[in-house]
Amino acid sequence: MFAVILSGGKQYKVAPGQTIKLETLDAEVGNSVNFDSVLMVGNDDDVKVGAPYLEKGKVSATVVAHGRGKKVHIIKFKRRKHSMKQQGHRQNYTQVKIDKIEG
């Protein structure tokens, strides 16, 4: 069984037991989180698609950890001008484990 959920403006294909990294959520480690924005639920040949969301679709997950991703280096460089600008960015994330899919 799988589902497609919407979180942080992005779509994620999830299955029970899977661990994924999402945009930062306001939840403590160990708490349960419910995703009501379920776009699609599938089980082998039976697939249900919402318009845009499924009414009875629900995905339950547990928050595993919060953290920051690897640093992304941004370099802007103009040749022969003695001009260079460097910047770094680390994106915050919340790691969740999918417990149950309903729909």
PDB file of N, CA and C in Angstrom:
ATOM      1  N   MET A   1       0.852  -1.175   0.000  1.00  0.00           N
ATOM      2  CA  MET A   1       0.000   0.000   0.000  1.00  0.00           C
ATOM      3  C   MET A   1       0.893   1.232   0.000  1.00  0.00           C
ATOM      4  N   PHE A   2       0.469   2.255  -0.719  1.00  0.00           N
ATOM      5  CA  PHE A   2       1.208   3.514  -0.765  1.00  0.00           C
ATOM      6  C   PHE A   2       0.227   4.671  -0.807  1.00  0.00           C
ATOM      7  N   ALA A   3       0.748   5.868  -0.546  1.00  0.00           N
ATOM      8  CA  ALA A   3      -0.057   7.088  -0.611  1.00  0.00           C
ATOM      9  C   ALA A   3       0.833   8.221  -1.083  1.00  0.00           C
ATOM     10  N   VAL A   4       0.209   9.230  -1.663  1.00  0.00           N
ATOM     11  CA  VAL A   4       0.906  10.453  -2.048  1.00  0.00           C
ATOM     12  C   VAL A   4       0.340  11.567  -1.179  1.00  0.00           C
ATOM     13  N   ILE A   5       1.229  12.190  -0.383  1.00  0.00           N
ATOM     14  CA  ILE A   5       0.793  13.246   0.532  1.00  0.00           C
ATOM     15  C   ILE A   5       1.415  14.572   0.133  1.00  0.00           C
ATOM     16  N   LEU A   6       0.813  15.645   0.617  1.00  0.00           N
ATOM     17  CA  LEU A   6       1.304  16.992   0.374  1.00  0.00           C
ATOM     18  C   LEU A   6       1.773  17.571   1.705  1.00  0.00           C
ATOM     19  N   SER A   7       3.051  17.987   1.755  1.00  0.00           N
ATOM     20  CA  SER A   7       3.598  18.568   2.977  1.00  0.00           C
ATOM     21  C   SER A   7       4.658  19.583   2.601  1.00  0.00           C
ATOM     22  N   GLY A   8       4.504  20.803   3.091  1.00  0.00           N
ATOM     23  CA  GLY A   8       5.492  21.840   2.808  1.00  0.00           C
ATOM     24  C   GLY A   8       5.538  22.246   1.348  1.00  0.00           C
ATOM     25  N   GLY A   9       4.421  22.110   0.645  1.00  0.00           N
ATOM     26  CA  GLY A   9       4.374  22.491  -0.759  1.00  0.00           C
ATOM     27  C   GLY A   9       4.968  21.457  -1.697  1.00  0.00           C
ATOM     28  N   LYS A  10       5.334  20.280  -1.178  1.00  0.00           N
ATOM     29  CA  LYS A  10       5.916  19.215  -1.998  1.00  0.00           C
ATOM     30  C   LYS A  10       5.091  17.949  -1.845  1.00  0.00           C
ATOM     31  N   GLN A  11       5.164  17.091  -2.862  1.00  0.00           N
ATOM     32  CA  GLN A  11       4.436  15.829  -2.832  1.00  0.00           C
ATOM     33  C   GLN A  11       5.411  14.693  -2.549  1.00  0.00           C
ATOM     34  N   TYR A  12       4.987  13.766  -1.687  1.00  0.00           N
ATOM     35  CA  TYR A  12       5.827  12.641  -1.298  1.00  0.00           C
ATOM     36  C   TYR A  12       5.043  11.349  -1.456  1.00  0.00           C
ATOM     37  N   LYS A  13       5.669  10.341  -2.067  1.00  0.00           N
ATOM     38  CA  LYS A  13       5.078   9.011  -2.150  1.00  0.00           C
ATOM     39  C   LYS A  13       5.588   8.231  -0.949  1.00  0.00           C
ATOM     40  N   VAL A  14       4.667   7.752  -0.098  1.00  0.00           N
ATOM     41  CA  VAL A  14       5.048   7.105   1.153  1.00  0.00           C
ATOM     42  C   VAL A  14       4.393   5.729   1.265  1.00  0.00           C
ATOM     43  N   ALA A  15       5.023   4.887   2.082  1.00  0.00           N
ATOM     44  CA  ALA A  15       4.510   3.554   2.377  1.00  0.00           C
ATOM     45  C   ALA A  15       4.697   3.305   3.870  1.00  0.00           C
ATOM     46  N   PRO A  16       3.904   2.413   4.465  1.00  0.00           N
ATOM     47  CA  PRO A  16       4.059   2.134   5.898  1.00  0.00           C
ATOM     48  C   PRO A  16       5.462   1.604   6.214  1.00  0.00           C
ATOM     49  N   GLY A  17       6.040   2.125   7.304  1.00  0.00           N
ATOM     50  CA  GLY A  17       7.376   1.715   7.709  1.00  0.00           C
ATOM     51  C   GLY A  17       8.495   2.543   7.096  1.00  0.00           C
ATOM     52  N   GLN A  18       8.168   3.410   6.165  1.00  0.00           N
ATOM     53  CA  GLN A  18       9.168   4.234   5.483  1.00  0.00           C
ATOM     54  C   GLN A  18       9.514   5.459   6.327  1.00  0.00           C
ATOM     55  N   THR A  19      10.784   5.878   6.279  1.00  0.00           N
ATOM     56  CA  THR A  19      11.238   7.083   6.966  1.00  0.00           C
ATOM     57  C   THR A  19      11.597   8.125   5.923  1.00  0.00           C
ATOM     58  N   ILE A  20      11.026   9.334   6.042  1.00  0.00           N
ATOM     59  CA  ILE A  20      11.297  10.394   5.066  1.00  0.00           C
ATOM     60  C   ILE A  20      11.629  11.694   5.782  1.00  0.00           C
ATOM     61  N   LYS A  21      12.297  12.587   5.044  1.00  0.00           N
ATOM     62  CA  LYS A  21      12.629  13.916   5.562  1.00  0.00           C
ATOM     63  C   LYS A  21      11.705  14.928   4.905  1.00  0.00           C
ATOM     64  N   LEU A  22      11.001  15.704   5.736  1.00  0.00           N
ATOM     65  CA  LEU A  22      10.057  16.721   5.269  1.00  0.00           C
ATOM     66  C   LEU A  22      10.541  18.091   5.689  1.00  0.00           C
ATOM     67  N   GLU A  23       9.856  19.119   5.192  1.00  0.00           N
ATOM     68  CA  GLU A  23      10.101  20.466   5.681  1.00  0.00           C
ATOM     69  C   GLU A  23       9.782  20.502   7.172  1.00  0.00           C
ATOM     70  N   THR A  24      10.356  21.437   7.902  1.00  0.00           N
ATOM     71  CA  THR A  24      10.219  21.493   9.356  1.00  0.00           C
ATOM     72  C   THR A  24       8.748  21.549   9.784  1.00  0.00           C
ATOM     73  N   LEU A  25       8.390  20.655  10.715  1.00  0.00           N
ATOM     74  CA  LEU A  25       7.039  20.610  11.283  1.00  0.00           C
ATOM     75  C   LEU A  25       7.109  21.032  12.745  1.00  0.00           C
ATOM     76  N   ASP A  26       6.024  21.640  13.235  1.00  0.00           N
ATOM     77  CA  ASP A  26       5.953  22.049  14.640  1.00  0.00           C
ATOM     78  C   ASP A  26       5.444  20.884  15.484  1.00  0.00           C
ATOM     79  N   ALA A  27       6.332  19.936  15.776  1.00  0.00           N
ATOM     80  CA  ALA A  27       5.979  18.788  16.601  1.00  0.00           C
ATOM     81  C   ALA A  27       7.236  18.303  17.315  1.00  0.00           C
ATOM     82  N   GLU A  28       7.040  17.828  18.533  1.00  0.00           N
ATOM     83  CA  GLU A  28       8.170  17.326  19.316  1.00  0.00           C
ATOM     84  C   GLU A  28       8.535  15.916  18.860  1.00  0.00           C
ATOM     85  N   VAL A  29       9.768  15.525  19.139  1.00  0.00           N
ATOM     86  CA  VAL A  29      10.239  14.179  18.796  1.00  0.00           C
ATOM     87  C   VAL A  29       9.433  13.165  19.596  1.00  0.00           C
ATOM     88  N   GLY A  30       8.906  12.143  18.908  1.00  0.00           N
ATOM     89  CA  GLY A  30       8.088  11.116  19.551  1.00  0.00           C
ATOM     90  C   GLY A  30       6.600  11.349  19.416  1.00  0.00           C
ATOM     91  N   ASN A  31       6.191  12.561  19.046  1.00  0.00           N
ATOM     92  CA  ASN A  31       4.768  12.858  18.873  1.00  0.00           C
ATOM     93  C   ASN A  31       4.247  12.292  17.564  1.00  0.00           C
ATOM     94  N   SER A  32       2.944  12.113  17.490  1.00  0.00           N
ATOM     95  CA  SER A  32       2.288  11.622  16.288  1.00  0.00           C
ATOM     96  C   SER A  32       1.817  12.801  15.442  1.00  0.00           C
ATOM     97  N   VAL A  33       1.927  12.660  14.135  1.00  0.00           N
ATOM     98  CA  VAL A  33       1.509  13.703  13.193  1.00  0.00           C
ATOM     99  C   VAL A  33       0.561  13.066  12.190  1.00  0.00           C
ATOM    100  N   ASN A  34      -0.542  13.763  11.880  1.00  0.00           N
ATOM    101  CA  ASN A  34      -1.497  13.274  10.887  1.00  0.00           C
ATOM    102  C   ASN A  34      -1.467  14.180   9.668  1.00  0.00           C
ATOM    103  N   PHE A  35      -1.414  13.573   8.494  1.00  0.00           N
ATOM    104  CA  PHE A  35      -1.452  14.305   7.232  1.00  0.00           C
ATOM    105  C   PHE A  35      -2.828  14.086   6.608  1.00  0.00           C
ATOM    106  N   ASP A  36      -3.605  15.177   6.485  1.00  0.00           N
ATOM    107  CA  ASP A  36      -4.939  15.091   5.897  1.00  0.00           C
ATOM    108  C   ASP A  36      -4.928  15.419   4.403  1.00  0.00           C
ATOM    109  N   SER A  37      -3.836  15.985   3.920  1.00  0.00           N
ATOM    110  CA  SER A  37      -3.718  16.339   2.503  1.00  0.00           C
ATOM    111  C   SER A  37      -3.204  15.136   1.722  1.00  0.00           C
ATOM    112  N   VAL A  38      -4.073  14.144   1.538  1.00  0.00           N
ATOM    113  CA  VAL A  38      -3.719  12.921   0.818  1.00  0.00           C
ATOM    114  C   VAL A  38      -4.252  13.041  -0.601  1.00  0.00           C
ATOM    115  N   LEU A  39      -3.361  12.983  -1.573  1.00  0.00           N
ATOM    116  CA  LEU A  39      -3.747  13.148  -2.971  1.00  0.00           C
ATOM    117  C   LEU A  39      -4.158  11.832  -3.616  1.00  0.00           C
ATOM    118  N   MET A  40      -3.507  10.730  -3.207  1.00  0.00           N
ATOM    119  CA  MET A  40      -3.778   9.446  -3.846  1.00  0.00           C
ATOM    120  C   MET A  40      -3.438   8.318  -2.883  1.00  0.00           C
ATOM    121  N   VAL A  41      -4.220   7.251  -2.921  1.00  0.00           N
ATOM    122  CA  VAL A  41      -3.955   6.042  -2.148  1.00  0.00           C
ATOM    123  C   VAL A  41      -4.054   4.869  -3.098  1.00  0.00           C
ATOM    124  N   GLY A  42      -3.062   3.975  -3.034  1.00  0.00           N
ATOM    125  CA  GLY A  42      -3.061   2.827  -3.922  1.00  0.00           C
ATOM    126  C   GLY A  42      -2.707   1.554  -3.187  1.00  0.00           C
ATOM    127  N   ASN A  43      -3.296   0.442  -3.664  1.00  0.00           N
ATOM    128  CA  ASN A  43      -3.007  -0.873  -3.124  1.00  0.00           C
ATOM    129  C   ASN A  43      -3.041  -1.855  -4.289  1.00  0.00           C
ATOM    130  N   ASP A  44      -1.883  -2.177  -4.835  1.00  0.00           N
ATOM    131  CA  ASP A  44      -1.749  -3.047  -6.002  1.00  0.00           C
ATOM    132  C   ASP A  44      -2.564  -2.494  -7.183  1.00  0.00           C
ATOM    133  N   ASP A  45      -3.717  -3.106  -7.474  1.00  0.00           N
ATOM    134  CA  ASP A  45      -4.516  -2.677  -8.628  1.00  0.00           C
ATOM    135  C   ASP A  45      -5.563  -1.625  -8.274  1.00  0.00           C
ATOM    136  N   ASP A  46      -5.894  -1.473  -6.998  1.00  0.00           N
ATOM    137  CA  ASP A  46      -6.922  -0.527  -6.561  1.00  0.00           C
ATOM    138  C   ASP A  46      -6.269   0.815  -6.242  1.00  0.00           C
ATOM    139  N   VAL A  47      -6.558   1.834  -7.045  1.00  0.00           N
ATOM    140  CA  VAL A  47      -5.985   3.171  -6.854  1.00  0.00           C
ATOM    141  C   VAL A  47      -7.122   4.176  -6.732  1.00  0.00           C
ATOM    142  N   LYS A  48      -7.059   5.016  -5.680  1.00  0.00           N
ATOM    143  CA  LYS A  48      -8.052   6.069  -5.487  1.00  0.00           C
ATOM    144  C   LYS A  48      -7.345   7.409  -5.611  1.00  0.00           C
ATOM    145  N   VAL A  49      -7.887   8.277  -6.469  1.00  0.00           N
ATOM    146  CA  VAL A  49      -7.309   9.595  -6.707  1.00  0.00           C
ATOM    147  C   VAL A  49      -8.297  10.655  -6.254  1.00  0.00           C
ATOM    148  N   GLY A  50      -7.826  11.638  -5.501  1.00  0.00           N
ATOM    149  CA  GLY A  50      -8.676  12.711  -5.010  1.00  0.00           C
ATOM    150  C   GLY A  50      -8.781  13.847  -5.993  1.00  0.00           C
ATOM    151  N   ALA A  51      -9.713  14.762  -5.724  1.00  0.00           N
ATOM    152  CA  ALA A  51      -9.890  15.916  -6.585  1.00  0.00           C
ATOM    153  C   ALA A  51     -10.056  17.172  -5.744  1.00  0.00           C
ATOM    154  N   PRO A  52      -9.043  17.819  -5.220  1.00  0.00           N
ATOM    155  CA  PRO A  52      -7.631  17.425  -5.249  1.00  0.00           C
ATOM    156  C   PRO A  52      -7.252  16.482  -4.121  1.00  0.00           C
ATOM    157  N   TYR A  53      -8.049  16.409  -3.010  1.00  0.00           N
ATOM    158  CA  TYR A  53      -7.702  15.552  -1.884  1.00  0.00           C
ATOM    159  C   TYR A  53      -8.765  14.484  -1.691  1.00  0.00           C
ATOM    160  N   LEU A  54      -8.359  13.367  -1.095  1.00  0.00           N
ATOM    161  CA  LEU A  54      -9.311  12.328  -0.719  1.00  0.00           C
ATOM    162  C   LEU A  54     -10.014  12.736   0.565  1.00  0.00           C
ATOM    163  N   GLU A  55     -11.324  12.542   0.634  1.00  0.00           N
ATOM    164  CA  GLU A  55     -12.088  12.946   1.810  1.00  0.00           C
ATOM    165  C   GLU A  55     -11.745  12.091   3.024  1.00  0.00           C
ATOM    166  N   LYS A  56     -11.622  10.790   2.832  1.00  0.00           N
ATOM    167  CA  LYS A  56     -11.359   9.894   3.954  1.00  0.00           C
ATOM    168  C   LYS A  56      -9.903   9.452   3.995  1.00  0.00           C
ATOM    169  N   GLY A  57      -9.048  10.116   3.261  1.00  0.00           N
ATOM    170  CA  GLY A  57      -7.639   9.764   3.262  1.00  0.00           C
ATOM    171  C   GLY A  57      -6.904  10.367   4.440  1.00  0.00           C
ATOM    172  N   LYS A  58      -6.078   9.551   5.083  1.00  0.00           N
ATOM    173  CA  LYS A  58      -5.340  10.018   6.254  1.00  0.00           C
ATOM    174  C   LYS A  58      -4.072   9.189   6.397  1.00  0.00           C
ATOM    175  N   VAL A  59      -2.961   9.863   6.690  1.00  0.00           N
ATOM    176  CA  VAL A  59      -1.687   9.187   6.898  1.00  0.00           C
ATOM    177  C   VAL A  59      -1.178   9.583   8.284  1.00  0.00           C
ATOM    178  N   SER A  60      -0.853   8.589   9.103  1.00  0.00           N
ATOM    179  CA  SER A  60      -0.328   8.830  10.445  1.00  0.00           C
ATOM    180  C   SER A  60       1.167   8.561  10.451  1.00  0.00           C
ATOM    181  N   ALA A  61       1.910   9.428  11.139  1.00  0.00           N
ATOM    182  CA  ALA A  61       3.364   9.293  11.203  1.00  0.00           C
ATOM    183  C   ALA A  61       3.845   9.698  12.590  1.00  0.00           C
ATOM    184  N   THR A  62       5.065   9.271  12.927  1.00  0.00           N
ATOM    185  CA  THR A  62       5.702   9.618  14.188  1.00  0.00           C
ATOM    186  C   THR A  62       6.963  10.405  13.898  1.00  0.00           C
ATOM    187  N   VAL A  63       7.170  11.505  14.624  1.00  0.00           N
ATOM    188  CA  VAL A  63       8.365  12.325  14.432  1.00  0.00           C
ATOM    189  C   VAL A  63       9.562  11.597  15.043  1.00  0.00           C
ATOM    190  N   VAL A  64      10.589  11.371  14.222  1.00  0.00           N
ATOM    191  CA  VAL A  64      11.782  10.657  14.660  1.00  0.00           C
ATOM    192  C   VAL A  64      12.855  11.643  15.115  1.00  0.00           C
ATOM    193  N   ALA A  65      13.096  12.698  14.316  1.00  0.00           N
ATOM    194  CA  ALA A  65      14.171  13.636  14.647  1.00  0.00           C
ATOM    195  C   ALA A  65      13.973  14.942  13.893  1.00  0.00           C
ATOM    196  N   HIS A  66      14.647  15.971  14.384  1.00  0.00           N
ATOM    197  CA  HIS A  66      14.773  17.241  13.683  1.00  0.00           C
ATOM    198  C   HIS A  66      16.254  17.420  13.371  1.00  0.00           C
ATOM    199  N   GLY A  67      16.551  18.122  12.280  1.00  0.00           N
ATOM    200  CA  GLY A  67      17.961  18.312  11.951  1.00  0.00           C
ATOM    201  C   GLY A  67      18.152  19.331  10.860  1.00  0.00           C
ATOM    202  N   ARG A  68      19.387  19.393  10.382  1.00  0.00           N
ATOM    203  CA  ARG A  68      19.739  20.294   9.281  1.00  0.00           C
ATOM    204  C   ARG A  68      20.480  19.489   8.231  1.00  0.00           C
ATOM    205  N   GLY A  69      20.192  19.781   6.984  1.00  0.00           N
ATOM    206  CA  GLY A  69      20.796  19.054   5.878  1.00  0.00           C
ATOM    207  C   GLY A  69      22.238  19.453   5.635  1.00  0.00           C
ATOM    208  N   LYS A  70      22.829  18.846   4.605  1.00  0.00           N
ATOM    209  CA  LYS A  70      24.196  19.178   4.231  1.00  0.00           C
ATOM    210  C   LYS A  70      24.255  20.601   3.697  1.00  0.00           C
ATOM    211  N   LYS A  71      25.417  21.214   3.821  1.00  0.00           N
ATOM    212  CA  LYS A  71      25.578  22.588   3.348  1.00  0.00           C
ATOM    213  C   LYS A  71      25.642  22.619   1.821  1.00  0.00           C
ATOM    214  N   VAL A  72      24.891  23.536   1.246  1.00  0.00           N
ATOM    215  CA  VAL A  72      24.916  23.784  -0.187  1.00  0.00           C
ATOM    216  C   VAL A  72      25.714  25.063  -0.396  1.00  0.00           C
ATOM    217  N   HIS A  73      26.749  24.992  -1.222  1.00  0.00           N
ATOM    218  CA  HIS A  73      27.603  26.150  -1.467  1.00  0.00           C
ATOM    219  C   HIS A  73      27.125  26.878  -2.715  1.00  0.00           C
ATOM    220  N   ILE A  74      26.934  28.182  -2.577  1.00  0.00           N
ATOM    221  CA  ILE A  74      26.530  29.024  -3.704  1.00  0.00           C
ATOM    222  C   ILE A  74      27.693  29.954  -4.009  1.00  0.00           C
ATOM    223  N   ILE A  75      28.186  29.909  -5.235  1.00  0.00           N
ATOM    224  CA  ILE A  75      29.314  30.756  -5.634  1.00  0.00           C
ATOM    225  C   ILE A  75      28.911  31.521  -6.887  1.00  0.00           C
ATOM    226  N   LYS A  76      29.016  32.837  -6.806  1.00  0.00           N
ATOM    227  CA  LYS A  76      28.783  33.692  -7.970  1.00  0.00           C
ATOM    228  C   LYS A  76      30.125  34.301  -8.338  1.00  0.00           C
ATOM    229  N   PHE A  77      30.521  34.119  -9.570  1.00  0.00           N
ATOM    230  CA  PHE A  77      31.873  34.467  -9.991  1.00  0.00           C
ATOM    231  C   PHE A  77      31.826  35.191 -11.330  1.00  0.00           C
ATOM    232  N   LYS A  78      32.512  36.334 -11.417  1.00  0.00           N
ATOM    233  CA  LYS A  78      32.638  37.047 -12.687  1.00  0.00           C
ATOM    234  C   LYS A  78      34.106  37.037 -13.086  1.00  0.00           C
ATOM    235  N   ARG A  79      34.375  36.495 -14.224  1.00  0.00           N
ATOM    236  CA  ARG A  79      35.772  36.360 -14.649  1.00  0.00           C
ATOM    237  C   ARG A  79      36.391  37.707 -14.995  1.00  0.00           C
ATOM    238  N   ARG A  80      37.661  37.832 -14.718  1.00  0.00           N
ATOM    239  CA  ARG A  80      38.481  39.013 -15.022  1.00  0.00           C
ATOM    240  C   ARG A  80      37.983  40.296 -14.363  1.00  0.00           C
ATOM    241  N   LYS A  81      37.160  40.207 -13.341  1.00  0.00           N
ATOM    242  CA  LYS A  81      36.622  41.405 -12.684  1.00  0.00           C
ATOM    243  C   LYS A  81      37.019  41.459 -11.207  1.00  0.00           C
ATOM    244  N   HIS A  82      37.737  40.476 -10.700  1.00  0.00           N
ATOM    245  CA  HIS A  82      38.070  40.367  -9.281  1.00  0.00           C
ATOM    246  C   HIS A  82      36.801  40.404  -8.435  1.00  0.00           C
ATOM    247  N   SER A  83      35.792  39.690  -8.922  1.00  0.00           N
ATOM    248  CA  SER A  83      34.506  39.688  -8.237  1.00  0.00           C
ATOM    249  C   SER A  83      34.073  38.254  -7.989  1.00  0.00           C
ATOM    250  N   MET A  84      33.884  37.924  -6.715  1.00  0.00           N
ATOM    251  CA  MET A  84      33.386  36.605  -6.360  1.00  0.00           C
ATOM    252  C   MET A  84      32.575  36.737  -5.073  1.00  0.00           C
ATOM    253  N   LYS A  85      31.442  36.026  -5.027  1.00  0.00           N
ATOM    254  CA  LYS A  85      30.591  36.056  -3.852  1.00  0.00           C
ATOM    255  C   LYS A  85      30.285  34.615  -3.453  1.00  0.00           C
ATOM    256  N   GLN A  86      30.517  34.276  -2.196  1.00  0.00           N
ATOM    257  CA  GLN A  86      30.246  32.933  -1.702  1.00  0.00           C
ATOM    258  C   GLN A  86      29.174  32.979  -0.627  1.00  0.00           C
ATOM    259  N   GLN A  87      28.354  31.955  -0.617  1.00  0.00           N
ATOM    260  CA  GLN A  87      27.289  31.860   0.372  1.00  0.00           C
ATOM    261  C   GLN A  87      26.989  30.388   0.606  1.00  0.00           C
ATOM    262  N   GLY A  88      26.561  30.045   1.811  1.00  0.00           N
ATOM    263  CA  GLY A  88      26.189  28.679   2.131  1.00  0.00           C
ATOM    264  C   GLY A  88      24.792  28.638   2.712  1.00  0.00           C
ATOM    265  N   HIS A  89      24.151  27.463   2.590  1.00  0.00           N
ATOM    266  CA  HIS A  89      22.790  27.306   3.097  1.00  0.00           C
ATOM    267  C   HIS A  89      22.605  25.882   3.613  1.00  0.00           C
ATOM    268  N   ARG A  90      21.989  25.745   4.793  1.00  0.00           N
ATOM    269  CA  ARG A  90      21.622  24.445   5.351  1.00  0.00           C
ATOM    270  C   ARG A  90      20.127  24.459   5.640  1.00  0.00           C
ATOM    271  N   GLN A  91      19.381  23.559   5.003  1.00  0.00           N
ATOM    272  CA  GLN A  91      17.934  23.522   5.141  1.00  0.00           C
ATOM    273  C   GLN A  91      17.534  22.695   6.368  1.00  0.00           C
ATOM    274  N   ASN A  92      16.615  23.214   7.168  1.00  0.00           N
ATOM    275  CA  ASN A  92      16.080  22.462   8.303  1.00  0.00           C
ATOM    276  C   ASN A  92      15.107  21.404   7.807  1.00  0.00           C
ATOM    277  N   TYR A  93      15.045  20.266   8.522  1.00  0.00           N
ATOM    278  CA  TYR A  93      14.114  19.214   8.145  1.00  0.00           C
ATOM    279  C   TYR A  93      13.582  18.515   9.386  1.00  0.00           C
ATOM    280  N   THR A  94      12.486  17.778   9.198  1.00  0.00           N
ATOM    281  CA  THR A  94      11.913  16.918  10.215  1.00  0.00           C
ATOM    282  C   THR A  94      11.834  15.519   9.621  1.00  0.00           C
ATOM    283  N   GLN A  95      12.382  14.560  10.340  1.00  0.00           N
ATOM    284  CA  GLN A  95      12.375  13.182   9.868  1.00  0.00           C
ATOM    285  C   GLN A  95      11.208  12.453  10.526  1.00  0.00           C
ATOM    286  N   VAL A  96      10.340  11.849   9.710  1.00  0.00           N
ATOM    287  CA  VAL A  96       9.162  11.145  10.235  1.00  0.00           C
ATOM    288  C   VAL A  96       9.134   9.706   9.714  1.00  0.00           C
ATOM    289  N   LYS A  97       8.512   8.828  10.509  1.00  0.00           N
ATOM    290  CA  LYS A  97       8.320   7.441  10.118  1.00  0.00           C
ATOM    291  C   LYS A  97       6.837   7.225   9.909  1.00  0.00           C
ATOM    292  N   ILE A  98       6.462   6.710   8.754  1.00  0.00           N
ATOM    293  CA  ILE A  98       5.055   6.491   8.406  1.00  0.00           C
ATOM    294  C   ILE A  98       4.559   5.261   9.147  1.00  0.00           C
ATOM    295  N   ASP A  99       3.463   5.416   9.909  1.00  0.00           N
ATOM    296  CA  ASP A  99       2.905   4.321  10.685  1.00  0.00           C
ATOM    297  C   ASP A  99       1.740   3.632   9.973  1.00  0.00           C
ATOM    298  N   LYS A 100       0.768   4.446   9.532  1.00  0.00           N
ATOM    299  CA  LYS A 100      -0.476   3.859   9.015  1.00  0.00           C
ATOM    300  C   LYS A 100      -1.051   4.717   7.906  1.00  0.00           C
ATOM    301  N   ILE A 101      -1.623   4.050   6.909  1.00  0.00           N
ATOM    302  CA  ILE A 101      -2.297   4.747   5.797  1.00  0.00           C
ATOM    303  C   ILE A 101      -3.756   4.294   5.782  1.00  0.00           C
ATOM    304  N   GLU A 102      -4.665   5.275   5.786  1.00  0.00           N
ATOM    305  CA  GLU A 102      -6.097   4.981   5.718  1.00  0.00           C
ATOM    306  C   GLU A 102      -6.664   5.648   4.474  1.00  0.00           C
ATOM    307  N   GLY A 103      -7.637   5.006   3.883  1.00  0.00           N
ATOM    308  CA  GLY A 103      -8.260   5.622   2.733  1.00  0.00           C
ATOM    309  C   GLY A 103      -8.934   4.596   1.935  1.00  0.00           C
TER     310      GLY A 103
END
